[in-house]
C-alpha atoms as a PDB file:
ATOM      1  CA  MET A   1      99.626 117.040 166.719  1.00  0.00           C
ATOM      2  CA  LEU A   2      96.411 115.014 166.368  1.00  0.00           C
ATOM      3  CA  LYS A   3      97.374 114.010 162.812  1.00  0.00           C
ATOM      4  CA  ILE A   4     100.767 112.779 164.010  1.00  0.00           C
ATOM      5  CA  ILE A   5      99.154 110.657 166.728  1.00  0.00           C
ATOM      6  CA  GLY A   6      96.667 109.304 164.184  1.00  0.00           C
ATOM      7  CA  LEU A   7      99.503 108.416 161.818  1.00  0.00           C
ATOM      8  CA  LEU A   8     101.432 106.637 164.578  1.00  0.00           C
ATOM      9  CA  VAL A   9      98.369 104.648 165.657  1.00  0.00           C
ATOM     10  CA  THR A  10      97.668 103.672 162.051  1.00  0.00           C
ATOM     11  CA  VAL A  11     101.243 102.587 161.350  1.00  0.00           C
ATOM     12  CA  LEU A  12     101.659 100.674 164.617  1.00  0.00           C
ATOM     13  CA  SER A  13      98.380  98.803 164.067  1.00  0.00           C
ATOM     14  CA  LEU A  14      99.251  98.020 160.432  1.00  0.00           C
ATOM     15  CA  GLY A  15      96.284 100.074 159.227  1.00  0.00           C
ATOM     16  CA  ILE A  16      93.613  98.316 161.285  1.00  0.00           C
ATOM     17  CA  LEU A  17      92.984 101.366 163.502  1.00  0.00           C
ATOM     18  CA  MET A  18      92.949 103.824 160.593  1.00  0.00           C
ATOM     19  CA  PRO A  19      89.156 104.344 160.869  1.00  0.00           C
ATOM     20  CA  TRP A  20      89.571 105.452 164.499  1.00  0.00           C
ATOM     21  CA  ALA A  21      92.385 107.863 163.620  1.00  0.00           C
ATOM     22  CA  TYR A  22      90.525 109.207 160.580  1.00  0.00           C
ATOM     23  CA  CYS A  23      87.331 109.861 162.550  1.00  0.00           C
ATOM     24  CA  ARG A  24      89.208 111.578 165.396  1.00  0.00           C
ATOM     25  CA  VAL A  25      91.103 113.900 163.045  1.00  0.00           C
ATOM     26  CA  TYR A  26      88.135 114.726 160.833  1.00  0.00           C
ATOM     27  CA  SER A  27      85.816 115.252 163.799  1.00  0.00           C
ATOM     28  CA  TRP A  28      88.252 117.823 165.158  1.00  0.00           C
ATOM     29  CA  GLU A  29      88.607 119.525 161.750  1.00  0.00           C
ATOM     30  CA  ALA A  30      84.837 119.670 161.218  1.00  0.00           C
ATOM     31  CA  SER A  31      84.131 121.046 164.695  1.00  0.00           C
ATOM     32  CA  HIS A  32      86.635 123.847 164.072  1.00  0.00           C
ATOM     33  CA  THR A  33      85.231 124.804 160.651  1.00  0.00           C
ATOM     34  CA  VAL A  34      82.677 127.588 160.218  1.00  0.00           C
ATOM     35  CA  ILE A  35      81.111 128.357 156.824  1.00  0.00           C
ATOM     36  CA  ASP A  36      78.878 131.427 156.516  1.00  0.00           C
ATOM     37  CA  GLY A  37      78.533 131.526 160.296  1.00  0.00           C
ATOM     38  CA  ARG A  38      77.435 127.877 160.526  1.00  0.00           C
ATOM     39  CA  ARG A  39      79.628 125.294 162.218  1.00  0.00           C
ATOM     40  CA  LEU A  40      80.158 121.847 160.715  1.00  0.00           C
ATOM     41  CA  VAL A  41      79.588 118.658 162.681  1.00  0.00           C
ATOM     42  CA  PHE A  42      80.878 115.193 161.823  1.00  0.00           C
ATOM     43  CA  THR A  43      78.530 112.323 162.758  1.00  0.00           C
ATOM     44  CA  GLY A  44      80.569 109.378 161.497  1.00  0.00           C
ATOM     45  CA  SER A  45      82.041 106.770 163.813  1.00  0.00           C
ATOM     46  CA  ALA A  46      85.040 104.481 163.605  1.00  0.00           C
ATOM     47  CA  VAL A  47      82.757 101.471 164.045  1.00  0.00           C
ATOM     48  CA  GLY A  48      80.687 102.584 161.058  1.00  0.00           C
ATOM     49  CA  LEU A  49      83.797 103.039 158.925  1.00  0.00           C
ATOM     50  CA  PHE A  50      85.585  99.874 160.066  1.00  0.00           C
ATOM     51  CA  GLY A  51      83.511  97.438 157.974  1.00  0.00           C
ATOM     52  CA  GLN A  52      83.912  99.563 154.875  1.00  0.00           C
ATOM     53  CA  TRP A  53      87.648  99.949 155.521  1.00  0.00           C
ATOM     54  CA  ILE A  54      88.188  96.179 155.780  1.00  0.00           C
ATOM     55  CA  LYS A  55      86.193  95.645 152.568  1.00  0.00           C
ATOM     56  CA  TRP A  56      88.259  98.275 150.744  1.00  0.00           C
ATOM     57  CA  LEU A  57      91.535  96.765 152.009  1.00  0.00           C
ATOM     58  CA  LEU A  58      90.487  93.303 150.845  1.00  0.00           C
ATOM     59  CA  LEU A  59      89.440  94.594 147.426  1.00  0.00           C
ATOM     60  CA  SER A  60      92.758  96.417 147.100  1.00  0.00           C
ATOM     61  CA  PHE A  61      94.640  93.256 148.040  1.00  0.00           C
ATOM     62  CA  ILE A  62      92.655  91.034 145.656  1.00  0.00           C
ATOM     63  CA  THR A  63      93.114  93.442 142.734  1.00  0.00           C
ATOM     64  CA  PHE A  64      96.842  93.901 143.451  1.00  0.00           C
ATOM     65  CA  GLY A  65      96.329  97.507 144.529  1.00  0.00           C
ATOM     66  CA  ILE A  66      94.220  98.645 141.593  1.00  0.00           C
ATOM     67  CA  TYR A  67      91.156  99.240 143.796  1.00  0.00           C
ATOM     68  CA  GLY A  68      93.348 101.443 145.980  1.00  0.00           C
ATOM     69  CA  PHE A  69      92.775 104.282 143.518  1.00  0.00           C
ATOM     70  CA  TRP A  70      89.074 104.245 144.463  1.00  0.00           C
ATOM     71  CA  VAL A  71      89.580 103.987 148.223  1.00  0.00           C
ATOM     72  CA  ASP A  72      90.296 107.719 148.548  1.00  0.00           C
ATOM     73  CA  ILE A  73      87.131 108.532 146.598  1.00  0.00           C
ATOM     74  CA  LYS A  74      85.034 106.141 148.713  1.00  0.00           C
ATOM     75  CA  LEU A  75      86.518 107.611 151.894  1.00  0.00           C
ATOM     76  CA  LYS A  76      85.643 111.160 150.791  1.00  0.00           C
ATOM     77  CA  GLN A  77      82.099 110.063 149.907  1.00  0.00           C
ATOM     78  CA  TRP A  78      81.697 108.475 153.348  1.00  0.00           C
ATOM     79  CA  ARG A  79      83.072 111.587 155.067  1.00  0.00           C
ATOM     80  CA  THR A  80      80.761 113.892 153.088  1.00  0.00           C
ATOM     81  CA  LYS A  81      77.746 111.707 153.903  1.00  0.00           C
ATOM     82  CA  HIS A  82      78.488 112.124 157.626  1.00  0.00           C
ATOM     83  CA  THR A  83      79.284 115.859 157.656  1.00  0.00           C
ATOM     84  CA  HIS A  84      76.460 118.320 158.310  1.00  0.00           C
ATOM     85  CA  PHE A  85      75.842 121.853 159.472  1.00  0.00           C
ATOM     86  CA  ARG A  86      75.017 122.161 163.157  1.00  0.00           C
ATOM     87  CA  ASN A  87      71.487 123.485 163.750  1.00  0.00           C
END
């Protein structure tokens, strides 16, 4: 249900609110994931992702979508950087 709401918010805002939706969904997924008895925690914020997201959108637009292939990789790197095990 949270993914559907995130998708609707992203579509209705023409992609501008995608960082908010992404952080909400991934925060929920991380908080409900346990690996070897240790729970994950996501420390990223939509504000922290927003600047990167705008930069990636502009680069994709300027390169006629070619940079879009790297956006998914950059997004996964950002998510991994902000995901940790809870103490």
